Amino acid sequence: MHLRFSQDIKLLLQHLAEKPLTLGDVIAETSERGFSLVIALLILPFLVPTPPGLSTPLGLACLIMSVQMAVGRRTPWLPRKIASFKFPHWFAQTLLRNLQRVTKILEKISRPRFQKFAENELTWRINGLCLTWLAILLMSPYPPATNPIPAVGILLLAVANIESDGVLMWIGYLITVLNTLFFGFAFYILYTGATYLLPNLIP
C-alpha cells in the first residue's frame, strides 16, 4: 500500500531535480497536508547526523507550524524568511531519500483507520497541541543528546495526520505522555542535583 506521504516525497524529489527546494515549495505543492509534511521534513534531521546551525531554524519552523494546527488553522503559513529557506541541494537529497526509507517502514504499520476520529476538527487541534509540546521539548537544550526521543513522536503524529490513521495517532499520544514523563524526570534530577551541588561549591 502506497501512502500519500510516499507520493508527496516522490513529487518533492522530482521538484528538487529542477530547482532548489524551499519550505514554501513544500507548502505550495502539498496544500493542507503541507502542515504534516513540512513538520516531517523538519524533524528528520534530528534523527540523523545534522550539519551545525540547522537545529534552531528547523525547530522554530516546526513550532510555528504546530501552533497553527493547535489553533485550528488549515492553511499553513510560515514567515517569508523561513519559507524561503533553501535546503542545501546535497542535504535536501539526503533528507528526502532518508524519508523514503522511513516510509517503507511506515507503509507496514500505517493506513487509514478510525477515520471519523482521525479527521475530526478537535482531533486536529489536539494533534497540534501534542506537536507543539513535543517541539518545545525538542528545542530544549537539556538533557543533551535527547533530540531523537521527541522527534520520533512528532514524526509518527505527522504521518498519522497525512494518512488519517487514528491508531497511529493514539500511539503518538502515548509517546507524548512518555516524553513528558521522561523530560520531567530528567529536569527534576538536574534541578535537585544543582540545588544540592551549588551550596557545597560556594564557600
N, C-alpha and C. Protein backbone atom coordinates (compact mmCIF):
# COMPACT_ATOMS: atom_id res chain seq x y z
N MET A 1 0.85 -1.20 0.00
CA MET A 1 0.00 0.00 0.00
C MET A 1 0.88 1.24 0.00
N HIS A 2 0.67 2.14 -0.96
CA HIS A 2 1.46 3.35 -1.05
C HIS A 2 0.76 4.48 -0.28
N LEU A 3 1.49 5.09 0.64
CA LEU A 3 0.95 6.18 1.43
C LEU A 3 0.93 7.47 0.63
N ARG A 4 -0.01 8.35 0.97
CA ARG A 4 0.02 9.69 0.39
C ARG A 4 1.34 10.37 0.73
N PHE A 5 1.86 10.03 1.90
CA PHE A 5 3.14 10.54 2.35
C PHE A 5 4.24 10.18 1.34
N SER A 6 4.24 8.93 0.87
CA SER A 6 5.24 8.47 -0.11
C SER A 6 5.09 9.24 -1.42
N GLN A 7 3.86 9.44 -1.85
CA GLN A 7 3.61 10.16 -3.10
C GLN A 7 4.10 11.60 -3.01
N ASP A 8 3.88 12.23 -1.84
CA ASP A 8 4.36 13.61 -1.65
C ASP A 8 5.88 13.67 -1.73
N ILE A 9 6.57 12.71 -1.12
CA ILE A 9 8.02 12.68 -1.15
C ILE A 9 8.52 12.53 -2.59
N LYS A 10 7.85 11.67 -3.39
CA LYS A 10 8.24 11.46 -4.78
C LYS A 10 8.11 12.76 -5.57
N LEU A 11 7.03 13.49 -5.35
CA LEU A 11 6.84 14.77 -6.05
C LEU A 11 7.91 15.78 -5.66
N LEU A 12 8.28 15.79 -4.38
CA LEU A 12 9.30 16.73 -3.93
C LEU A 12 10.67 16.38 -4.52
N LEU A 13 10.96 15.10 -4.67
CA LEU A 13 12.22 14.69 -5.30
C LEU A 13 12.26 15.13 -6.76
N GLN A 14 11.13 15.03 -7.45
CA GLN A 14 11.05 15.49 -8.84
C GLN A 14 11.27 16.99 -8.91
N HIS A 15 10.66 17.70 -7.96
CA HIS A 15 10.82 19.16 -7.91
C HIS A 15 12.28 19.52 -7.67
N LEU A 16 12.92 18.77 -6.78
CA LEU A 16 14.30 19.05 -6.40
C LEU A 16 15.26 18.89 -7.58
N ALA A 17 14.90 18.03 -8.54
CA ALA A 17 15.75 17.82 -9.71
C ALA A 17 15.75 19.06 -10.61
N GLU A 18 14.73 19.91 -10.46
CA GLU A 18 14.60 21.08 -11.32
C GLU A 18 15.16 22.34 -10.69
N LYS A 19 14.98 22.52 -9.39
CA LYS A 19 15.48 23.72 -8.73
C LYS A 19 15.58 23.47 -7.23
N PRO A 20 16.30 24.34 -6.49
CA PRO A 20 16.45 24.15 -5.04
C PRO A 20 15.11 24.10 -4.33
N LEU A 21 15.06 23.30 -3.29
CA LEU A 21 13.82 23.09 -2.53
C LEU A 21 13.75 24.05 -1.35
N THR A 22 12.61 24.71 -1.20
CA THR A 22 12.37 25.57 -0.03
C THR A 22 11.15 25.04 0.73
N LEU A 23 11.00 25.47 1.98
CA LEU A 23 9.83 25.07 2.75
C LEU A 23 8.56 25.62 2.12
N GLY A 24 8.65 26.80 1.51
CA GLY A 24 7.49 27.38 0.83
C GLY A 24 7.04 26.50 -0.33
N ASP A 25 8.00 25.87 -1.03
CA ASP A 25 7.66 24.96 -2.13
C ASP A 25 6.88 23.76 -1.61
N VAL A 26 7.31 23.24 -0.47
CA VAL A 26 6.64 22.07 0.12
C VAL A 26 5.19 22.42 0.43
N ILE A 27 4.97 23.58 1.04
CA ILE A 27 3.61 24.02 1.39
C ILE A 27 2.77 24.19 0.13
N ALA A 28 3.36 24.83 -0.89
CA ALA A 28 2.62 25.11 -2.12
C ALA A 28 2.19 23.83 -2.83
N GLU A 29 3.00 22.80 -2.76
CA GLU A 29 2.72 21.58 -3.53
C GLU A 29 1.88 20.56 -2.77
N THR A 30 1.72 20.74 -1.47
CA THR A 30 1.01 19.71 -0.69
C THR A 30 -0.23 20.23 0.00
N SER A 31 -0.58 21.50 -0.17
CA SER A 31 -1.81 22.06 0.37
C SER A 31 -1.93 21.82 1.87
N GLU A 32 -3.11 21.33 2.33
CA GLU A 32 -3.33 21.14 3.76
C GLU A 32 -2.36 20.12 4.35
N ARG A 33 -1.98 19.11 3.56
CA ARG A 33 -1.04 18.11 4.05
C ARG A 33 0.34 18.73 4.27
N GLY A 34 0.51 19.97 3.75
CA GLY A 34 1.79 20.65 3.93
C GLY A 34 2.17 20.80 5.37
N PHE A 35 1.17 20.97 6.26
CA PHE A 35 1.47 21.05 7.69
C PHE A 35 2.31 19.86 8.12
N SER A 36 1.76 18.69 7.92
CA SER A 36 2.40 17.48 8.42
C SER A 36 3.65 17.12 7.63
N LEU A 37 3.63 17.37 6.32
CA LEU A 37 4.79 17.03 5.51
C LEU A 37 5.97 17.92 5.85
N VAL A 38 5.73 19.21 6.01
CA VAL A 38 6.81 20.13 6.39
C VAL A 38 7.36 19.74 7.76
N ILE A 39 6.47 19.42 8.69
CA ILE A 39 6.91 19.02 10.03
C ILE A 39 7.77 17.76 9.94
N ALA A 40 7.37 16.79 9.11
CA ALA A 40 8.15 15.57 8.95
C ALA A 40 9.54 15.88 8.37
N LEU A 41 9.58 16.77 7.39
CA LEU A 41 10.87 17.16 6.80
C LEU A 41 11.76 17.85 7.82
N LEU A 42 11.14 18.68 8.66
CA LEU A 42 11.90 19.43 9.66
C LEU A 42 12.44 18.51 10.75
N ILE A 43 11.71 17.44 11.02
CA ILE A 43 12.06 16.56 12.14
C ILE A 43 13.13 15.54 11.78
N LEU A 44 13.14 15.08 10.54
CA LEU A 44 14.07 14.02 10.18
C LEU A 44 15.53 14.34 10.51
N PRO A 45 16.00 15.58 10.29
CA PRO A 45 17.40 15.86 10.63
C PRO A 45 17.75 15.58 12.09
N PHE A 46 16.75 15.60 12.97
CA PHE A 46 17.02 15.33 14.38
C PHE A 46 17.21 13.82 14.63
N LEU A 47 16.90 13.02 13.62
CA LEU A 47 17.05 11.57 13.75
C LEU A 47 18.35 11.06 13.11
N VAL A 48 19.00 11.93 12.33
CA VAL A 48 20.25 11.57 11.66
C VAL A 48 21.26 12.68 11.94
N PRO A 49 22.57 12.42 11.69
CA PRO A 49 23.57 13.49 11.88
C PRO A 49 23.22 14.72 11.07
N THR A 50 23.22 15.89 11.73
CA THR A 50 22.77 17.14 11.10
C THR A 50 23.89 18.17 11.10
N PRO A 51 24.07 18.91 9.99
CA PRO A 51 25.07 19.98 9.98
C PRO A 51 24.78 21.00 11.06
N PRO A 52 25.80 21.55 11.71
CA PRO A 52 25.57 22.54 12.77
C PRO A 52 24.87 23.77 12.24
N GLY A 53 24.06 24.39 13.11
CA GLY A 53 23.38 25.62 12.74
C GLY A 53 21.99 25.44 12.17
N LEU A 54 21.57 24.18 11.93
CA LEU A 54 20.25 23.94 11.34
C LEU A 54 19.18 23.65 12.39
N SER A 55 19.57 23.21 13.57
CA SER A 55 18.59 22.77 14.55
C SER A 55 17.67 23.90 15.00
N THR A 56 18.21 25.10 15.20
CA THR A 56 17.37 26.21 15.67
C THR A 56 16.33 26.63 14.65
N PRO A 57 16.71 26.94 13.37
CA PRO A 57 15.68 27.32 12.40
C PRO A 57 14.68 26.21 12.11
N LEU A 58 15.14 24.96 12.07
CA LEU A 58 14.24 23.85 11.80
C LEU A 58 13.27 23.65 12.96
N GLY A 59 13.77 23.71 14.19
CA GLY A 59 12.91 23.56 15.36
C GLY A 59 11.90 24.68 15.48
N LEU A 60 12.33 25.92 15.17
CA LEU A 60 11.42 27.07 15.23
C LEU A 60 10.32 26.95 14.19
N ALA A 61 10.67 26.54 12.98
CA ALA A 61 9.67 26.38 11.93
C ALA A 61 8.67 25.30 12.31
N CYS A 62 9.13 24.21 12.91
CA CYS A 62 8.25 23.14 13.36
C CYS A 62 7.28 23.66 14.42
N LEU A 63 7.79 24.46 15.33
CA LEU A 63 6.94 25.03 16.39
C LEU A 63 5.87 25.95 15.81
N ILE A 64 6.26 26.78 14.84
CA ILE A 64 5.30 27.70 14.20
C ILE A 64 4.18 26.92 13.52
N MET A 65 4.54 25.86 12.81
CA MET A 65 3.54 25.06 12.10
C MET A 65 2.59 24.36 13.07
N SER A 66 3.14 23.79 14.13
CA SER A 66 2.30 23.03 15.07
C SER A 66 1.36 23.93 15.85
N VAL A 67 1.80 25.15 16.19
CA VAL A 67 0.93 26.10 16.89
C VAL A 67 -0.27 26.46 16.01
N GLN A 68 -0.03 26.61 14.70
CA GLN A 68 -1.13 26.91 13.78
C GLN A 68 -2.16 25.79 13.77
N MET A 69 -1.69 24.55 13.82
CA MET A 69 -2.61 23.42 13.89
C MET A 69 -3.40 23.46 15.19
N ALA A 70 -2.74 23.79 16.29
CA ALA A 70 -3.39 23.81 17.60
C ALA A 70 -4.53 24.82 17.67
N VAL A 71 -4.41 25.92 16.92
CA VAL A 71 -5.48 26.93 16.92
C VAL A 71 -6.51 26.68 15.82
N GLY A 72 -6.35 25.56 15.09
CA GLY A 72 -7.36 25.17 14.11
C GLY A 72 -7.12 25.64 12.70
N ARG A 73 -5.98 26.23 12.43
CA ARG A 73 -5.69 26.72 11.08
C ARG A 73 -5.50 25.54 10.13
N ARG A 74 -6.03 25.64 8.93
CA ARG A 74 -5.94 24.55 7.96
C ARG A 74 -5.01 24.89 6.80
N THR A 75 -4.69 26.15 6.62
CA THR A 75 -3.77 26.56 5.57
C THR A 75 -2.45 26.96 6.20
N PRO A 76 -1.38 26.22 5.94
CA PRO A 76 -0.11 26.53 6.60
C PRO A 76 0.50 27.84 6.15
N TRP A 77 1.18 28.48 7.08
CA TRP A 77 1.86 29.76 6.80
C TRP A 77 3.19 29.76 7.54
N LEU A 78 4.19 30.30 6.88
CA LEU A 78 5.49 30.50 7.50
C LEU A 78 5.97 31.91 7.19
N PRO A 79 6.69 32.55 8.10
CA PRO A 79 7.30 33.85 7.78
C PRO A 79 8.15 33.73 6.53
N ARG A 80 8.19 34.79 5.75
CA ARG A 80 8.87 34.74 4.45
C ARG A 80 10.32 34.27 4.59
N LYS A 81 10.99 34.73 5.64
CA LYS A 81 12.40 34.38 5.81
C LYS A 81 12.58 32.87 5.99
N ILE A 82 11.64 32.25 6.73
CA ILE A 82 11.73 30.80 6.95
C ILE A 82 11.22 30.05 5.72
N ALA A 83 10.13 30.53 5.11
CA ALA A 83 9.57 29.86 3.93
C ALA A 83 10.55 29.84 2.76
N SER A 84 11.41 30.87 2.68
CA SER A 84 12.36 30.96 1.56
C SER A 84 13.69 30.28 1.89
N PHE A 85 13.77 29.67 3.09
CA PHE A 85 14.98 28.95 3.47
C PHE A 85 15.23 27.81 2.48
N LYS A 86 16.40 27.82 1.86
CA LYS A 86 16.74 26.80 0.87
C LYS A 86 17.61 25.72 1.50
N PHE A 87 17.14 24.50 1.41
CA PHE A 87 17.96 23.38 1.85
C PHE A 87 19.15 23.26 0.90
N PRO A 88 20.36 23.09 1.42
CA PRO A 88 21.48 22.77 0.52
C PRO A 88 21.10 21.55 -0.32
N HIS A 89 21.43 21.58 -1.61
CA HIS A 89 20.96 20.53 -2.52
C HIS A 89 21.33 19.14 -2.03
N TRP A 90 22.58 18.95 -1.61
CA TRP A 90 23.02 17.64 -1.15
C TRP A 90 22.25 17.21 0.10
N PHE A 91 21.97 18.21 0.96
CA PHE A 91 21.28 17.91 2.21
C PHE A 91 19.82 17.56 1.95
N ALA A 92 19.19 18.31 1.02
CA ALA A 92 17.79 18.04 0.68
C ALA A 92 17.65 16.66 0.05
N GLN A 93 18.59 16.30 -0.82
CA GLN A 93 18.56 14.97 -1.44
C GLN A 93 18.66 13.89 -0.37
N THR A 94 19.62 14.06 0.54
CA THR A 94 19.81 13.08 1.62
C THR A 94 18.57 13.01 2.50
N LEU A 95 18.00 14.18 2.80
CA LEU A 95 16.83 14.26 3.66
C LEU A 95 15.64 13.51 3.07
N LEU A 96 15.36 13.78 1.81
CA LEU A 96 14.21 13.16 1.17
C LEU A 96 14.41 11.66 0.95
N ARG A 97 15.63 11.26 0.64
CA ARG A 97 15.88 9.83 0.45
C ARG A 97 15.80 9.08 1.78
N ASN A 98 16.21 9.72 2.86
CA ASN A 98 16.04 9.10 4.17
C ASN A 98 14.56 8.99 4.52
N LEU A 99 13.78 9.99 4.13
CA LEU A 99 12.34 9.93 4.36
C LEU A 99 11.72 8.79 3.56
N GLN A 100 12.25 8.55 2.37
CA GLN A 100 11.75 7.42 1.58
C GLN A 100 11.99 6.10 2.30
N ARG A 101 13.16 5.99 2.93
CA ARG A 101 13.44 4.77 3.69
C ARG A 101 12.48 4.62 4.87
N VAL A 102 12.21 5.75 5.51
CA VAL A 102 11.28 5.73 6.65
C VAL A 102 9.89 5.29 6.20
N THR A 103 9.48 5.76 5.01
CA THR A 103 8.13 5.42 4.54
C THR A 103 7.97 3.92 4.30
N LYS A 104 9.06 3.23 3.94
CA LYS A 104 8.97 1.78 3.73
C LYS A 104 8.57 1.08 5.02
N ILE A 105 9.04 1.62 6.15
CA ILE A 105 8.65 1.07 7.45
C ILE A 105 7.22 1.49 7.78
N LEU A 106 6.92 2.77 7.55
CA LEU A 106 5.59 3.29 7.89
C LEU A 106 4.49 2.63 7.08
N GLU A 107 4.80 2.27 5.82
CA GLU A 107 3.80 1.62 4.98
C GLU A 107 3.35 0.28 5.55
N LYS A 108 4.19 -0.31 6.40
CA LYS A 108 3.84 -1.60 7.01
C LYS A 108 2.95 -1.43 8.24
N ILE A 109 2.95 -0.23 8.83
CA ILE A 109 2.21 -0.04 10.08
C ILE A 109 1.09 1.00 9.98
N SER A 110 1.08 1.78 8.90
CA SER A 110 0.10 2.87 8.83
C SER A 110 -0.86 2.68 7.66
N ARG A 111 -2.12 3.00 7.93
CA ARG A 111 -3.17 3.01 6.90
C ARG A 111 -4.36 3.76 7.49
N PRO A 112 -5.30 4.18 6.66
CA PRO A 112 -6.47 4.89 7.21
C PRO A 112 -7.25 4.01 8.18
N ARG A 113 -7.35 4.45 9.44
CA ARG A 113 -8.07 3.70 10.47
C ARG A 113 -8.77 4.69 11.39
N PHE A 114 -9.98 4.35 11.81
CA PHE A 114 -10.78 5.23 12.67
C PHE A 114 -10.80 6.65 12.09
N GLN A 115 -11.16 6.73 10.81
CA GLN A 115 -11.08 8.00 10.09
C GLN A 115 -12.01 9.06 10.66
N LYS A 116 -13.15 8.63 11.20
CA LYS A 116 -14.07 9.60 11.78
C LYS A 116 -13.39 10.36 12.91
N PHE A 117 -12.63 9.64 13.72
CA PHE A 117 -11.86 10.27 14.79
C PHE A 117 -10.67 11.05 14.23
N ALA A 118 -9.95 10.41 13.30
CA ALA A 118 -8.71 11.00 12.79
C ALA A 118 -8.94 12.30 12.05
N GLU A 119 -10.10 12.45 11.41
CA GLU A 119 -10.37 13.64 10.60
C GLU A 119 -11.25 14.65 11.31
N ASN A 120 -11.49 14.43 12.61
CA ASN A 120 -12.30 15.35 13.39
C ASN A 120 -11.54 16.65 13.66
N GLU A 121 -12.27 17.77 13.70
CA GLU A 121 -11.64 19.08 13.93
C GLU A 121 -10.96 19.14 15.29
N LEU A 122 -11.60 18.57 16.32
CA LEU A 122 -10.99 18.58 17.65
C LEU A 122 -9.71 17.75 17.67
N THR A 123 -9.71 16.63 16.96
CA THR A 123 -8.51 15.79 16.88
C THR A 123 -7.37 16.56 16.23
N TRP A 124 -7.69 17.33 15.18
CA TRP A 124 -6.69 18.16 14.51
C TRP A 124 -6.03 19.11 15.51
N ARG A 125 -6.82 19.74 16.37
CA ARG A 125 -6.29 20.67 17.36
C ARG A 125 -5.48 19.95 18.43
N ILE A 126 -5.97 18.78 18.86
CA ILE A 126 -5.23 18.00 19.86
C ILE A 126 -3.87 17.59 19.31
N ASN A 127 -3.86 17.16 18.06
CA ASN A 127 -2.60 16.79 17.43
C ASN A 127 -1.65 17.99 17.37
N GLY A 128 -2.22 19.15 17.08
CA GLY A 128 -1.41 20.37 17.05
C GLY A 128 -0.81 20.68 18.42
N LEU A 129 -1.61 20.50 19.48
CA LEU A 129 -1.11 20.73 20.84
C LEU A 129 0.02 19.75 21.18
N CYS A 130 -0.18 18.48 20.84
CA CYS A 130 0.87 17.47 21.11
C CYS A 130 2.15 17.80 20.33
N LEU A 131 1.99 18.18 19.07
CA LEU A 131 3.15 18.51 18.26
C LEU A 131 3.87 19.75 18.80
N THR A 132 3.07 20.72 19.27
CA THR A 132 3.66 21.93 19.85
C THR A 132 4.50 21.59 21.08
N TRP A 133 3.93 20.78 21.96
CA TRP A 133 4.62 20.40 23.19
C TRP A 133 5.89 19.60 22.87
N LEU A 134 5.79 18.66 21.93
CA LEU A 134 6.97 17.87 21.55
C LEU A 134 8.04 18.75 20.89
N ALA A 135 7.61 19.76 20.12
CA ALA A 135 8.57 20.68 19.50
C ALA A 135 9.31 21.48 20.56
N ILE A 136 8.59 21.88 21.61
CA ILE A 136 9.23 22.61 22.71
C ILE A 136 10.26 21.72 23.40
N LEU A 137 9.90 20.46 23.64
CA LEU A 137 10.84 19.52 24.24
C LEU A 137 12.03 19.29 23.32
N LEU A 138 11.76 19.25 22.02
CA LEU A 138 12.82 19.04 21.04
C LEU A 138 13.86 20.16 21.08
N MET A 139 13.38 21.39 21.26
CA MET A 139 14.27 22.55 21.25
C MET A 139 14.95 22.77 22.60
N SER A 140 14.52 22.02 23.60
CA SER A 140 15.11 22.17 24.92
C SER A 140 16.57 21.71 24.91
N PRO A 141 17.48 22.49 25.50
CA PRO A 141 18.90 22.12 25.48
C PRO A 141 19.26 21.02 26.47
N TYR A 142 18.36 20.74 27.40
CA TYR A 142 18.65 19.73 28.43
C TYR A 142 17.50 18.73 28.51
N PRO A 143 17.80 17.47 28.78
CA PRO A 143 19.14 16.88 28.81
C PRO A 143 19.73 16.77 27.41
N PRO A 144 21.07 16.81 27.27
CA PRO A 144 21.70 16.81 25.95
C PRO A 144 21.50 15.47 25.22
N ALA A 145 21.60 15.55 23.89
CA ALA A 145 21.56 14.36 23.02
C ALA A 145 20.24 13.58 23.13
N THR A 146 19.14 14.27 23.43
CA THR A 146 17.85 13.58 23.54
C THR A 146 16.90 13.96 22.42
N ASN A 147 17.39 14.67 21.40
CA ASN A 147 16.51 15.12 20.31
C ASN A 147 15.70 13.99 19.66
N PRO A 148 16.29 12.82 19.43
CA PRO A 148 15.52 11.77 18.75
C PRO A 148 14.28 11.31 19.52
N ILE A 149 14.25 11.50 20.84
CA ILE A 149 13.13 10.99 21.64
C ILE A 149 11.83 11.71 21.27
N PRO A 150 11.75 13.06 21.35
CA PRO A 150 10.51 13.71 20.91
C PRO A 150 10.34 13.69 19.39
N ALA A 151 11.46 13.61 18.65
CA ALA A 151 11.38 13.63 17.19
C ALA A 151 10.59 12.43 16.67
N VAL A 152 10.74 11.27 17.29
CA VAL A 152 10.00 10.08 16.87
C VAL A 152 8.50 10.31 17.03
N GLY A 153 8.09 10.87 18.16
CA GLY A 153 6.68 11.16 18.40
C GLY A 153 6.12 12.14 17.38
N ILE A 154 6.91 13.17 17.07
CA ILE A 154 6.47 14.18 16.10
C ILE A 154 6.29 13.54 14.72
N LEU A 155 7.24 12.71 14.32
CA LEU A 155 7.16 12.08 13.00
C LEU A 155 5.93 11.17 12.90
N LEU A 156 5.68 10.39 13.94
CA LEU A 156 4.52 9.48 13.93
C LEU A 156 3.21 10.27 13.83
N LEU A 157 3.10 11.35 14.60
CA LEU A 157 1.87 12.16 14.55
C LEU A 157 1.71 12.85 13.20
N ALA A 158 2.82 13.30 12.63
CA ALA A 158 2.76 13.95 11.32
C ALA A 158 2.26 12.98 10.26
N VAL A 159 2.79 11.76 10.25
CA VAL A 159 2.36 10.76 9.27
C VAL A 159 0.92 10.34 9.54
N ALA A 160 0.55 10.19 10.81
CA ALA A 160 -0.82 9.82 11.17
C ALA A 160 -1.81 10.85 10.64
N ASN A 161 -1.44 12.14 10.68
CA ASN A 161 -2.31 13.18 10.15
C ASN A 161 -2.50 13.04 8.65
N ILE A 162 -1.40 12.79 7.95
CA ILE A 162 -1.47 12.68 6.49
C ILE A 162 -2.31 11.47 6.08
N GLU A 163 -2.16 10.37 6.80
CA GLU A 163 -2.80 9.12 6.42
C GLU A 163 -4.16 8.90 7.08
N SER A 164 -4.60 9.84 7.93
CA SER A 164 -5.86 9.69 8.67
C SER A 164 -5.87 8.38 9.46
N ASP A 165 -4.78 8.12 10.16
CA ASP A 165 -4.61 6.88 10.91
C ASP A 165 -4.83 7.14 12.40
N GLY A 166 -6.04 6.84 12.88
CA GLY A 166 -6.37 7.08 14.27
C GLY A 166 -5.56 6.25 15.24
N VAL A 167 -5.22 5.01 14.85
CA VAL A 167 -4.44 4.14 15.72
C VAL A 167 -3.03 4.72 15.93
N LEU A 168 -2.41 5.16 14.83
CA LEU A 168 -1.07 5.75 14.93
C LEU A 168 -1.10 7.04 15.74
N MET A 169 -2.22 7.77 15.66
CA MET A 169 -2.35 8.98 16.47
C MET A 169 -2.32 8.65 17.96
N TRP A 170 -3.04 7.58 18.36
CA TRP A 170 -3.05 7.20 19.77
C TRP A 170 -1.67 6.74 20.23
N ILE A 171 -0.92 6.10 19.34
CA ILE A 171 0.46 5.74 19.66
C ILE A 171 1.28 7.01 19.86
N GLY A 172 1.02 8.01 19.01
CA GLY A 172 1.69 9.30 19.14
C GLY A 172 1.36 9.98 20.46
N TYR A 173 0.09 9.87 20.90
CA TYR A 173 -0.30 10.45 22.19
C TYR A 173 0.44 9.76 23.34
N LEU A 174 0.56 8.44 23.23
CA LEU A 174 1.28 7.69 24.27
C LEU A 174 2.74 8.12 24.33
N ILE A 175 3.34 8.29 23.16
CA ILE A 175 4.74 8.73 23.12
C ILE A 175 4.87 10.14 23.69
N THR A 176 3.86 10.99 23.46
CA THR A 176 3.88 12.34 24.03
C THR A 176 3.87 12.29 25.55
N VAL A 177 3.03 11.42 26.11
CA VAL A 177 2.98 11.26 27.57
C VAL A 177 4.32 10.74 28.10
N LEU A 178 4.89 9.74 27.42
CA LEU A 178 6.17 9.18 27.85
C LEU A 178 7.28 10.22 27.77
N ASN A 179 7.25 11.06 26.73
CA ASN A 179 8.22 12.14 26.61
C ASN A 179 8.09 13.11 27.78
N THR A 180 6.84 13.43 28.12
CA THR A 180 6.60 14.36 29.23
C THR A 180 7.15 13.81 30.53
N LEU A 181 6.91 12.52 30.78
CA LEU A 181 7.42 11.89 31.99
C LEU A 181 8.94 11.84 31.98
N PHE A 182 9.52 11.48 30.84
CA PHE A 182 10.98 11.38 30.75
C PHE A 182 11.64 12.73 30.98
N PHE A 183 11.18 13.77 30.27
CA PHE A 183 11.80 15.08 30.41
C PHE A 183 11.52 15.69 31.78
N GLY A 184 10.33 15.43 32.31
CA GLY A 184 10.01 15.91 33.65
C GLY A 184 10.95 15.31 34.68
N PHE A 185 11.20 14.01 34.56
CA PHE A 185 12.11 13.33 35.49
C PHE A 185 13.54 13.83 35.31
N ALA A 186 13.95 14.02 34.03
CA ALA A 186 15.31 14.48 33.75
C ALA A 186 15.54 15.88 34.31
N PHE A 187 14.56 16.77 34.12
CA PHE A 187 14.71 18.13 34.65
C PHE A 187 14.69 18.13 36.18
N TYR A 188 13.90 17.23 36.75
CA TYR A 188 13.86 17.12 38.22
C TYR A 188 15.23 16.70 38.75
N ILE A 189 15.84 15.71 38.10
CA ILE A 189 17.16 15.25 38.51
C ILE A 189 18.19 16.37 38.38
N LEU A 190 18.14 17.10 37.24
CA LEU A 190 19.07 18.21 37.03
C LEU A 190 18.87 19.30 38.08
N TYR A 191 17.61 19.59 38.38
CA TYR A 191 17.29 20.66 39.34
C TYR A 191 17.75 20.27 40.74
N THR A 192 17.41 19.06 41.17
CA THR A 192 17.79 18.64 42.52
C THR A 192 19.30 18.51 42.64
N GLY A 193 19.95 18.07 41.54
CA GLY A 193 21.41 17.97 41.56
C GLY A 193 22.06 19.33 41.69
N ALA A 194 21.49 20.32 40.96
CA ALA A 194 22.04 21.67 41.01
C ALA A 194 21.83 22.29 42.39
N THR A 195 20.65 22.13 42.95
CA THR A 195 20.37 22.70 44.28
C THR A 195 21.22 22.04 45.37
N TYR A 196 21.64 20.80 45.13
CA TYR A 196 22.48 20.11 46.12
C TYR A 196 23.93 20.53 45.99
N LEU A 197 24.40 20.68 44.71
CA LEU A 197 25.81 20.97 44.49
C LEU A 197 26.17 22.42 44.73
N LEU A 198 25.29 23.36 44.34
CA LEU A 198 25.64 24.78 44.44
C LEU A 198 26.02 25.22 45.85
N PRO A 199 25.23 24.87 46.89
CA PRO A 199 25.63 25.29 48.25
C PRO A 199 26.98 24.73 48.67
N ASN A 200 27.33 23.54 48.15
CA ASN A 200 28.60 22.94 48.53
C ASN A 200 29.79 23.51 47.76
N LEU A 201 29.49 24.10 46.57
CA LEU A 201 30.55 24.68 45.75
C LEU A 201 30.86 26.11 46.17
N ILE A 202 29.85 26.81 46.70
CA ILE A 202 30.05 28.20 47.11
C ILE A 202 30.62 28.23 48.51
N PRO A 203 31.78 28.82 48.71
CA PRO A 203 32.38 28.84 50.06
C PRO A 203 31.59 29.68 51.03
